[in-house]
Protein backbone atom coordinates (compact mmCIF):
# COMPACT_ATOMS: atom_id res chain seq x y z
CA MET A 1 89.47 92.35 171.59
CA ASP A 2 85.70 92.66 171.52
CA ALA A 3 82.63 90.37 171.79
CA LYS A 4 82.87 89.20 168.15
CA ASP A 5 86.41 87.88 168.66
CA ILE A 6 85.33 85.95 171.73
CA LEU A 7 82.36 84.30 169.93
CA GLY A 8 84.34 83.66 166.76
CA LEU A 9 82.09 85.71 164.56
CA SER A 10 83.24 87.62 161.60
CA LYS A 11 83.21 91.30 161.91
CA THR A 12 81.40 91.75 158.57
CA SER A 13 78.55 89.30 159.13
CA PHE A 14 76.02 92.04 159.73
CA SER A 15 75.38 94.79 157.24
CA ALA A 16 76.76 98.05 158.45
CA PRO A 17 74.08 100.64 159.07
CA GLN A 18 73.96 103.44 156.51
CA GLU A 19 75.12 106.71 157.81
CA LYS A 20 72.60 109.54 157.56
CA LYS A 21 73.68 112.43 155.46
CA PRO A 22 73.50 115.72 157.33
CA ARG A 23 70.88 118.04 155.96
CA PRO A 24 72.10 121.42 154.87
CA GLN A 25 71.16 123.99 157.45
CA LYS A 26 68.97 126.75 156.19
CA ASP A 27 70.12 130.25 156.78
CA SER A 28 67.81 131.47 159.48
CA GLN A 29 67.06 135.11 158.94
CA ARG A 30 65.39 137.11 161.63
CA LYS A 31 62.31 139.04 160.59
CA PRO A 32 63.16 142.74 160.70
CA ASP A 33 61.11 145.14 162.76
CA GLY A 34 58.32 147.01 161.01
CA ILE A 35 57.44 144.20 158.55
CA SER A 36 54.52 141.88 159.21
CA ARG A 37 55.00 138.11 159.12
CA GLU A 38 52.76 137.61 156.08
CA VAL A 39 54.58 140.23 153.98
CA TYR A 40 57.97 138.81 155.00
CA ALA A 41 56.83 135.31 153.97
CA LEU A 42 55.62 136.54 150.58
CA THR A 43 58.80 138.41 149.76
CA GLY A 44 60.99 135.51 150.84
CA GLY A 45 63.28 137.84 152.75
CA LEU A 46 64.18 141.44 152.65
CA ALA A 47 62.76 143.55 149.89
CA PRO A 48 65.34 144.72 147.33
CA LEU A 49 66.72 148.17 147.75
CA MET A 50 66.11 149.01 144.09
CA PRO A 51 63.37 147.65 141.83
CA SER A 52 64.69 144.85 139.67
CA VAL A 53 62.68 144.89 136.45
CA ASP A 54 63.65 142.91 133.41
CA VAL A 55 63.87 145.16 130.40
CA SER A 56 62.50 142.42 128.17
CA HIS A 57 59.22 142.47 130.06
CA LEU A 58 58.66 146.14 129.26
CA LYS A 59 56.47 147.07 126.35
CA ARG A 60 58.41 148.81 123.66
CA GLN A 61 56.90 151.79 121.96
CA SER A 62 55.81 150.89 118.50
CA GLN A 63 57.30 153.10 115.84
CA PRO A 64 55.31 153.76 112.69
CA ASP A 65 56.92 152.45 109.58
CA ASN A 66 56.39 155.68 107.68
CA GLU A 67 58.04 157.90 110.40
CA LYS A 68 61.59 159.07 109.76
CA ILE A 69 63.53 160.55 112.67
CA THR A 70 66.80 162.44 112.31
CA TRP A 71 68.90 164.85 114.43
CA ARG A 72 70.21 168.11 113.09
CA TRP A 73 72.47 170.96 114.33
CA LEU A 74 70.19 173.99 114.01
CA PRO A 75 70.31 177.61 115.22
CA PHE A 76 67.80 179.08 117.71
CA THR A 77 66.96 182.33 119.53
CA SER A 78 65.38 182.89 122.95
CA SER A 79 62.72 185.45 123.85
CA ALA A 80 64.34 185.76 127.27
CA ARG A 81 67.23 187.64 125.70
CA THR A 82 66.99 191.14 124.39
CA ASP A 83 70.15 191.09 122.24
CA ASN A 84 68.80 188.54 119.69
CA LEU A 85 71.76 186.27 120.25
CA GLN A 86 71.72 183.24 117.95
CA LEU A 87 72.98 179.93 119.28
CA TYR A 88 72.97 176.33 117.99
CA HIS A 89 71.84 173.00 119.43
CA TRP A 90 70.79 169.51 118.34
CA VAL A 91 67.13 169.20 117.38
CA ARG A 92 65.07 166.06 116.79
CA ILE A 93 63.59 166.18 113.29
CA VAL A 94 60.59 164.03 112.36
CA ASN A 95 60.00 163.47 108.63
CA ASP A 96 62.31 166.37 107.75
CA VAL A 97 59.99 168.93 109.47
CA PRO A 98 61.98 171.22 111.82
CA PRO A 99 60.23 172.37 115.08
CA THR A 100 58.80 175.88 115.30
CA GLY A 101 58.11 178.20 118.22
CA ASP A 102 60.08 179.80 121.02
CA TYR A 103 62.94 178.22 122.87
CA SER A 104 61.59 175.63 125.30
CA PHE A 105 63.52 176.96 128.30
CA ALA A 106 62.51 180.60 127.80
CA LYS A 107 59.42 180.08 129.99
CA TYR A 108 61.68 179.70 133.05
CA ASN A 109 63.05 183.22 132.71
CA LYS A 110 61.37 185.18 135.56
CA SER A 111 62.08 188.80 136.38
CA VAL A 112 61.20 191.07 139.30
CA ASP A 113 58.74 193.90 138.77
CA ILE A 114 60.63 197.04 139.77
CA VAL A 115 58.61 200.15 140.60
CA LYS A 116 59.31 203.07 138.27
CA TYR A 117 58.93 206.69 139.30
CA THR A 118 58.81 209.98 137.44
CA GLU A 119 60.63 213.24 137.98
CA GLU A 120 57.56 214.85 139.50
CA GLU A 121 57.03 211.96 141.94
CA TYR A 122 60.65 212.05 143.02
CA GLU A 123 60.56 215.77 143.76
CA LYS A 124 57.27 215.44 145.63
CA TYR A 125 57.65 212.20 147.64
CA LEU A 126 61.17 210.75 147.39
CA THR A 127 63.62 213.50 148.31
CA ASP A 128 66.14 212.47 150.95
CA PRO A 129 69.14 214.49 152.17
CA MET A 130 71.23 211.32 152.44
CA TRP A 131 70.57 210.26 148.84
CA THR A 132 70.85 212.09 145.54
CA LYS A 133 68.65 211.46 142.53
CA GLU A 134 71.57 210.01 140.53
CA GLU A 135 72.32 207.46 143.26
CA THR A 136 68.65 206.50 143.50
CA ASP A 137 68.40 206.05 139.72
CA LYS A 138 71.56 203.94 139.67
CA LEU A 139 70.23 201.82 142.55
CA PHE A 140 66.97 201.04 140.74
CA ASP A 141 68.79 200.24 137.51
CA LEU A 142 71.01 197.73 139.30
CA CYS A 143 68.01 196.26 141.14
CA GLU A 144 66.28 195.65 137.81
CA ARG A 145 69.43 194.25 136.21
CA PHE A 146 70.41 191.85 139.01
CA ASP A 147 66.88 190.96 140.27
CA LEU A 148 67.31 192.43 143.78
CA ARG A 149 70.49 190.49 144.52
CA PHE A 150 71.73 193.13 146.92
CA ILE A 151 75.11 191.49 147.51
CA VAL A 152 75.91 191.88 143.81
CA ILE A 153 74.28 195.33 143.74
CA ALA A 154 76.46 196.52 146.64
CA ASP A 155 79.54 195.25 144.79
CA ARG A 156 78.59 197.10 141.60
CA PHE A 157 77.35 200.28 143.26
CA PRO A 158 79.70 203.21 142.56
CA SER A 159 79.65 204.78 146.04
CA SER A 160 80.44 203.02 149.32
CA ARG A 161 77.05 201.95 150.60
CA THR A 162 76.27 199.00 152.83
CA VAL A 163 73.77 196.33 151.92
CA GLU A 164 71.39 197.51 154.66
CA GLU A 165 71.47 201.09 153.36
CA LEU A 166 70.71 199.95 149.81
CA LYS A 167 67.81 197.81 151.01
CA ASP A 168 66.42 200.59 153.16
CA ARG A 169 66.50 203.10 150.28
CA TYR A 170 64.93 200.74 147.74
CA TYR A 171 62.09 199.50 149.98
CA SER A 172 61.31 202.97 151.37
CA VAL A 173 61.05 204.47 147.84
CA SER A 174 58.85 201.59 146.62
CA ARG A 175 56.59 201.95 149.64
CA GLU A 176 56.18 205.72 149.18
CA ILE A 177 55.34 205.28 145.48
CA LEU A 178 52.67 202.65 146.26
CA LEU A 179 51.04 204.85 148.92
CA ALA A 180 51.13 207.91 146.65
CA ARG A 181 49.56 206.17 143.66
CA ALA A 182 46.82 204.41 145.65
CA ALA A 183 43.43 206.06 145.97
CA SER A 184 43.40 205.27 149.70
CA SER A 185 45.76 203.60 152.12
CA ALA A 186 43.29 200.74 152.60
CA ASP A 187 43.74 199.65 148.97
CA VAL A 188 47.43 198.78 149.49
CA ALA A 189 47.22 197.80 153.16
CA GLY A 190 47.75 194.14 152.29
CA HIS A 191 50.84 194.71 150.13
CA PRO A 192 54.01 193.21 151.67
CA LEU A 193 55.96 196.46 151.35
CA VAL A 194 53.25 198.35 153.26
CA LYS A 195 52.24 195.63 155.69
CA GLU A 196 55.78 194.73 156.79
CA PRO A 197 58.15 197.67 156.20
CA TYR A 198 61.89 197.10 156.20
CA ASN A 199 63.55 197.74 159.59
CA VAL A 200 67.19 198.61 159.06
CA GLU A 201 68.10 198.66 162.79
CA GLN A 202 66.72 195.20 163.34
CA GLU A 203 68.58 193.87 160.30
CA ILE A 204 71.88 195.32 161.51
CA GLU A 205 71.37 193.87 165.00
CA ARG A 206 70.44 190.48 163.54
CA LYS A 207 73.59 190.31 161.43
CA ARG A 208 75.75 191.43 164.35
CA ALA A 209 74.32 188.71 166.61
CA LEU A 210 74.72 186.11 163.86
CA SER A 211 78.33 187.16 163.35
CA MET A 212 79.03 186.82 167.07
CA VAL A 213 77.54 183.32 167.16
CA LEU A 214 79.45 182.15 164.08
CA SER A 215 82.76 183.61 165.31
CA GLN A 216 82.68 181.82 168.67
CA THR A 217 85.44 179.38 169.50
CA LYS A 218 84.98 175.94 171.00
CA GLN A 219 86.01 177.24 174.42
CA GLN A 220 83.41 180.00 174.30
CA GLU A 221 80.74 177.52 173.23
CA ARG A 222 81.59 175.25 176.17
CA LYS A 223 81.51 178.23 178.53
CA ASP A 224 78.08 179.30 177.24
CA ALA A 225 76.80 175.73 177.65
CA GLU A 226 78.04 175.67 181.25
CA VAL A 227 76.38 179.02 181.99
CA LEU A 228 73.07 177.79 180.57
CA ALA A 229 73.29 174.56 182.56
CA GLU A 230 74.03 176.48 185.76
CA ALA A 231 71.12 178.84 185.10
CA LYS A 232 68.82 175.87 184.57
CA ARG A 233 70.02 174.26 187.80
CA ILE A 234 69.45 177.49 189.77
CA THR A 235 65.95 177.86 188.31
CA GLU A 236 65.04 174.28 189.23
CA SER A 237 66.40 174.68 192.77
CA ARG A 238 64.43 177.90 193.25
CA MET A 239 61.26 176.22 192.06
CA ILE A 240 61.82 173.35 194.51
CA ASP A 241 62.49 175.77 197.40
CA LYS A 242 59.43 177.80 196.47
CA GLY A 243 57.23 174.72 196.45
CA ALA A 244 58.55 173.58 199.85
CA GLU A 245 58.07 177.08 201.29
CA GLU A 246 54.49 177.27 200.01
CA ALA A 247 53.70 173.85 201.47
CA GLU A 248 55.20 174.86 204.84
CA LEU A 249 53.30 178.16 204.79
CA HIS A 250 50.04 176.37 204.00
CA ALA A 251 50.58 173.90 206.84
CA THR A 252 51.48 176.73 209.26
CA SER A 253 48.42 178.76 208.31
CA THR A 254 46.18 175.70 208.74
CA VAL A 255 47.55 174.94 212.21
CA GLY A 256 47.34 178.63 213.19
CA ALA A 257 43.71 178.82 212.10
CA GLU A 258 42.82 175.74 214.14
CA ASN A 259 44.56 177.10 217.23
CA ALA A 260 42.90 180.47 216.79
CA GLU A 261 39.47 178.86 216.64
CA ARG A 262 40.15 176.99 219.87
CA ALA A 263 41.97 179.64 221.95
CA ILE A 264 40.77 183.06 220.79
CA VAL A 265 37.29 184.24 221.67
CA ASP A 266 35.63 185.95 218.76
CA VAL A 267 34.26 189.42 219.38
CA GLU A 268 30.90 188.60 217.85
CA SER A 269 30.37 185.55 220.08
CA VAL A 270 30.91 187.29 223.45
CA SER A 271 27.80 187.17 225.66
CA PRO A 272 26.53 190.54 226.96
CA SER A 273 25.93 189.08 230.44
CA SER A 274 29.52 187.88 230.85
CA ASN A 275 31.37 189.39 233.82
CA ASN A 276 34.81 188.23 232.67
CA GLN A 277 37.19 190.57 230.94
CA LEU A 278 37.84 190.03 227.21
CA PRO A 279 41.11 188.31 226.35
CA THR A 280 44.04 190.50 225.55
CA ALA A 281 44.34 189.03 222.03
CA VAL A 282 40.90 190.37 221.18
CA VAL A 283 41.48 193.92 222.37
CA ALA A 284 45.05 194.23 221.12
CA PRO A 285 45.54 192.56 217.74
CA PRO A 286 48.90 191.06 216.88
CA THR A 287 51.47 193.53 215.69
CA ALA A 288 54.35 193.05 213.33
CA THR A 289 57.88 193.20 214.54
CA GLY A 290 60.12 196.12 213.76
CA ASP A 291 58.47 198.93 211.86
CA GLY A 292 55.22 197.05 211.37
CA THR A 293 56.00 196.00 207.82
CA SER A 294 57.98 192.81 208.34
CA THR A 295 58.12 190.71 205.19
CA PRO A 296 56.19 187.41 205.36
CA SER A 297 58.21 184.22 205.45
CA SER A 298 56.87 183.12 202.05
CA LEU A 299 58.44 186.18 200.39
CA ARG A 300 61.79 186.29 202.17
CA LEU A 301 63.41 183.87 199.71
CA LEU A 302 62.28 185.88 196.71
CA ARG A 303 64.54 188.74 195.68
CA VAL A 304 61.85 190.47 193.62
CA TYR A 305 58.16 190.50 194.56
CA LEU A 306 55.20 192.86 194.46
CA ARG A 307 54.64 194.91 197.60
CA THR A 308 50.89 194.48 197.15
CA ASP A 309 51.33 190.71 197.67
CA ALA A 310 53.30 191.33 200.86
CA LEU A 311 50.64 193.80 202.04
CA ASP A 312 47.85 191.27 201.46
CA GLN A 313 49.66 188.62 203.48
CA MET A 314 50.46 191.04 206.31
CA VAL A 315 46.83 192.21 206.45
CA GLN A 316 45.70 188.59 206.54
CA ALA A 317 48.12 187.82 209.36
CA ALA A 318 47.03 190.89 211.34
CA SER A 319 43.34 190.00 210.97
CA SER A 320 43.72 186.26 211.63
CA SER A 321 42.53 186.61 215.27
CA ALA A 322 39.35 188.43 214.27
CA GLY A 323 36.22 186.96 212.76
CA LEU A 324 34.97 187.41 209.23
CA ARG A 325 32.28 189.89 210.32
CA THR A 326 34.89 191.96 212.16
CA VAL A 327 37.11 192.08 209.06
CA LYS A 328 34.15 193.26 206.99
CA ARG A 329 33.39 195.94 209.57
CA VAL A 330 37.02 197.11 209.37
CA GLU A 331 36.78 197.41 205.58
CA GLN A 332 33.44 199.23 205.90
CA THR A 333 35.04 201.67 208.34
CA LEU A 334 37.86 202.30 205.87
CA GLN A 335 35.32 203.07 203.16
CA ASP A 336 33.43 205.39 205.49
CA LEU A 337 36.67 207.25 206.20
CA GLY A 338 37.35 207.59 202.47
CA VAL A 339 40.41 205.31 202.56
CA ASN A 340 41.00 202.68 199.87
CA VAL A 341 40.90 199.07 201.02
CA LYS A 342 44.16 198.56 199.07
CA PRO A 343 46.55 201.51 198.66
CA LYS A 344 46.93 202.78 195.13
CA VAL A 345 50.63 203.58 195.66
CA PRO A 346 51.87 200.76 197.93
CA THR A 347 55.19 202.18 199.04
CA LYS A 348 56.86 201.03 202.24
CA SER A 349 55.66 203.97 204.31
CA VAL A 350 52.13 203.84 202.87
CA CYS A 351 51.86 200.11 203.63
CA ALA A 352 53.08 200.70 207.19
CA GLU A 353 50.52 203.46 207.79
CA HIS A 354 47.76 201.37 206.21
CA LEU A 355 48.51 198.43 208.51
CA GLU A 356 48.66 200.72 211.55
CA LEU A 357 45.25 202.22 210.63
CA ARG A 358 43.73 198.76 210.28
CA LYS A 359 45.03 197.77 213.71
CA GLU A 360 43.65 200.91 215.32
CA ILE A 361 40.23 200.38 213.71
CA LEU A 362 40.21 196.77 214.91
CA THR A 363 41.09 197.89 218.46
CA LEU A 364 38.34 200.55 218.33
CA LEU A 365 35.73 198.00 217.25
CA ASN A 366 36.78 195.62 220.01
CA LEU A 367 36.54 198.37 222.63
CA GLN A 368 33.12 199.42 221.35
CA LYS A 369 31.91 195.86 221.62
CA GLN A 370 33.22 195.56 225.15
CA LEU A 371 31.54 198.87 226.08
CA GLN A 372 28.22 197.61 224.72
CA ASN A 373 28.50 194.46 226.80
CA LYS A 374 29.20 196.47 229.97
CA GLU A 375 26.26 198.80 229.33
CA ALA A 376 23.95 195.84 228.80
CA GLU A 377 25.07 194.35 232.13
CA ALA A 378 24.51 197.67 233.95
CA SER A 379 20.98 198.04 232.51
CA SER A 380 20.07 194.49 233.54
CA LEU A 381 21.30 195.20 237.10
CA ARG A 382 19.21 198.37 237.32
CA ASP A 383 16.05 196.50 236.29
CA ASN A 384 16.47 193.84 238.99
CA SER A 385 15.65 194.68 242.60
CA TYR A 386 18.64 192.82 243.97
CA THR A 387 21.70 191.03 242.80
CA ASP A 388 21.62 187.27 242.71
CA ILE A 389 24.15 185.91 245.27
CA PRO A 390 25.81 182.68 244.15
CA SER A 391 25.21 179.67 246.42
CA THR A 392 25.61 175.92 246.46
CA PRO A 393 23.12 173.66 244.70
CA LYS A 394 21.77 172.39 248.07
CA GLN A 395 21.10 175.90 249.34
CA ARG A 396 19.40 176.85 246.07
CA ALA A 397 17.18 173.78 246.36
CA ASN A 398 16.19 174.52 250.01
CA ARG A 399 15.51 178.16 249.19
CA GLY A 400 13.33 177.09 246.32
CA VAL A 401 11.31 174.80 248.64
CA ASP A 402 10.78 177.64 251.13
CA GLN A 403 9.62 180.00 248.42
CA ASP A 404 7.17 177.45 247.08
CA ARG A 405 5.80 176.76 250.55
CA SER A 406 5.11 180.42 251.11
CA PHE A 407 2.64 180.40 248.26
CA ILE A 408 0.83 177.19 249.38
CA PRO A 409 -2.18 177.70 251.69
CA ASP A 410 -2.74 175.73 254.89
CA SER A 411 -3.80 172.14 255.03
CA LEU A 412 -7.48 173.10 255.04
CA SER A 413 -8.82 174.72 251.93
CA PHE A 414 -12.05 176.60 251.60
CA GLY A 415 -13.86 173.29 251.02
CA GLY A 416 -12.46 171.74 254.15
CA GLU A 417 -10.34 169.15 252.31
CA ARG A 418 -6.83 168.37 253.42
CA VAL A 419 -4.03 168.58 250.90
CA GLY A 420 -1.96 165.40 250.71
CA LYS A 421 1.73 165.21 251.28
CA ARG A 422 2.21 163.64 247.89
CA ASP A 423 0.95 166.77 246.17
CA GLN A 424 3.23 168.93 248.27
CA LYS A 425 6.23 166.83 247.32
CA ARG A 426 5.26 166.94 243.68
CA LYS A 427 5.14 170.74 243.70
CA ALA A 428 8.55 171.11 245.36
CA PRO A 429 11.61 171.12 243.05
CA GLY A 430 14.22 168.39 243.09
CA ARG A 431 16.85 168.20 245.70
CA PHE A 432 19.74 168.79 243.35
CA SER A 433 17.92 170.70 240.68
CA GLU A 434 20.14 172.82 238.44
CA ALA A 435 17.35 175.14 237.41
CA PRO A 436 17.99 178.79 238.29
CA PRO A 437 15.95 180.31 241.06
CA SER A 438 12.81 182.14 240.11
CA PRO A 439 13.00 185.92 240.09
CA PRO A 440 12.01 187.65 243.33
CA GLN A 441 8.36 188.51 243.65
CA SER A 442 6.47 190.61 246.16
CA LYS A 443 4.66 188.63 248.89
CA ARG A 444 0.93 188.61 248.55
CA PRO A 445 -1.31 188.74 251.67
CA ARG A 446 -2.10 185.54 253.48
CA LYS A 447 -5.57 184.15 252.90
CA PHE A 448 -7.96 183.75 255.83
CA LYS A 449 -8.88 180.32 257.08
CA ALA A 450 -12.43 179.14 257.44
CA SER A 451 -12.06 178.97 261.23
CA ASP A 452 -11.00 182.62 261.45
CA GLY A 453 -14.39 183.83 260.49
């Protein structure tokens, strides 16, 4: 029961709404990649794989009314053949006039130009104990007949000769004939037979390697692939270790240089008046452990390296505590002694002796510098009348006041004026003055007063 039954209305009083017909769904095709939207819209979809052209739209070739075409079975001969063989084929005849001329496919017959030699040339240039003249003649005849197809030539050759031997004999004879007939070797220098001579050993090795590759089994191929992958992995790991070692070495050398600048006193910067002894690191340079030729840490991981590289790094490490001027003086001393800065034959013993000589020269220069400083101090002490005794700042200030007062005359000058206390205080040094005391001077005689006269 529904609302119409309750109200007493007929069920068909209202016109039933017309049902909408479903529209046919269009086949949505996705635009393929590589085609622009405009081109895809013009074609209405994908372009056809093959061109679809209506034959009726093509323009037919107009045939003259007076032309009569027939086909005939006619004989022909080819200039490419030397036996004058006569064959037959179908020929298009126009107005009962047969075609004339050579066979149309004779132009594709190409032959190789084979070098010919005479009896005199063979006896003069081409004699070979491994080849007879009959074999050489037969070889050139077969090369001309089969157009240098050496596989066929080796099959037809009467004696047992390999393909490489036949090639070597043919190309060597052709090359000798070209060089003999040329006015100079420069005229045929660009010829392929002269420019790139045949190498029989290389050809044999190439074929052997190719045969080995082609005869490998699947298991051998997998094993070779594993070996190559392992070699690649080892190479990459070595490169990574080498990079990390170089970075660590660079950081270590940087820190060592900073510490050396702070802690080690350079020989060139030592004051001549210094009474302190030079540090031990300056007099005795660092030595290598063992036999003096210990390998640097950057080269320990390498199995193969140049000894000159190791020598350079060891020299740099031994001279790290010295200044640049000292290193130059060491090299100058080596040149004065007639010794090369870098050994020409850097064997292990030579490198050890070279490093030991550098260390001894560096020690000698340091001792000479220290001796110069001591001699300068002794000469300065001889020039002075006494040695300055160290004292406290207060004592130095009082002694300075006494010395200044000894040079000041009495309160009455020659004019009878009295010197003020303010001037006396101004002339005296400060109480805690850090200025060094004046050098000792001889006392001059005291001046007479006006009342002494």
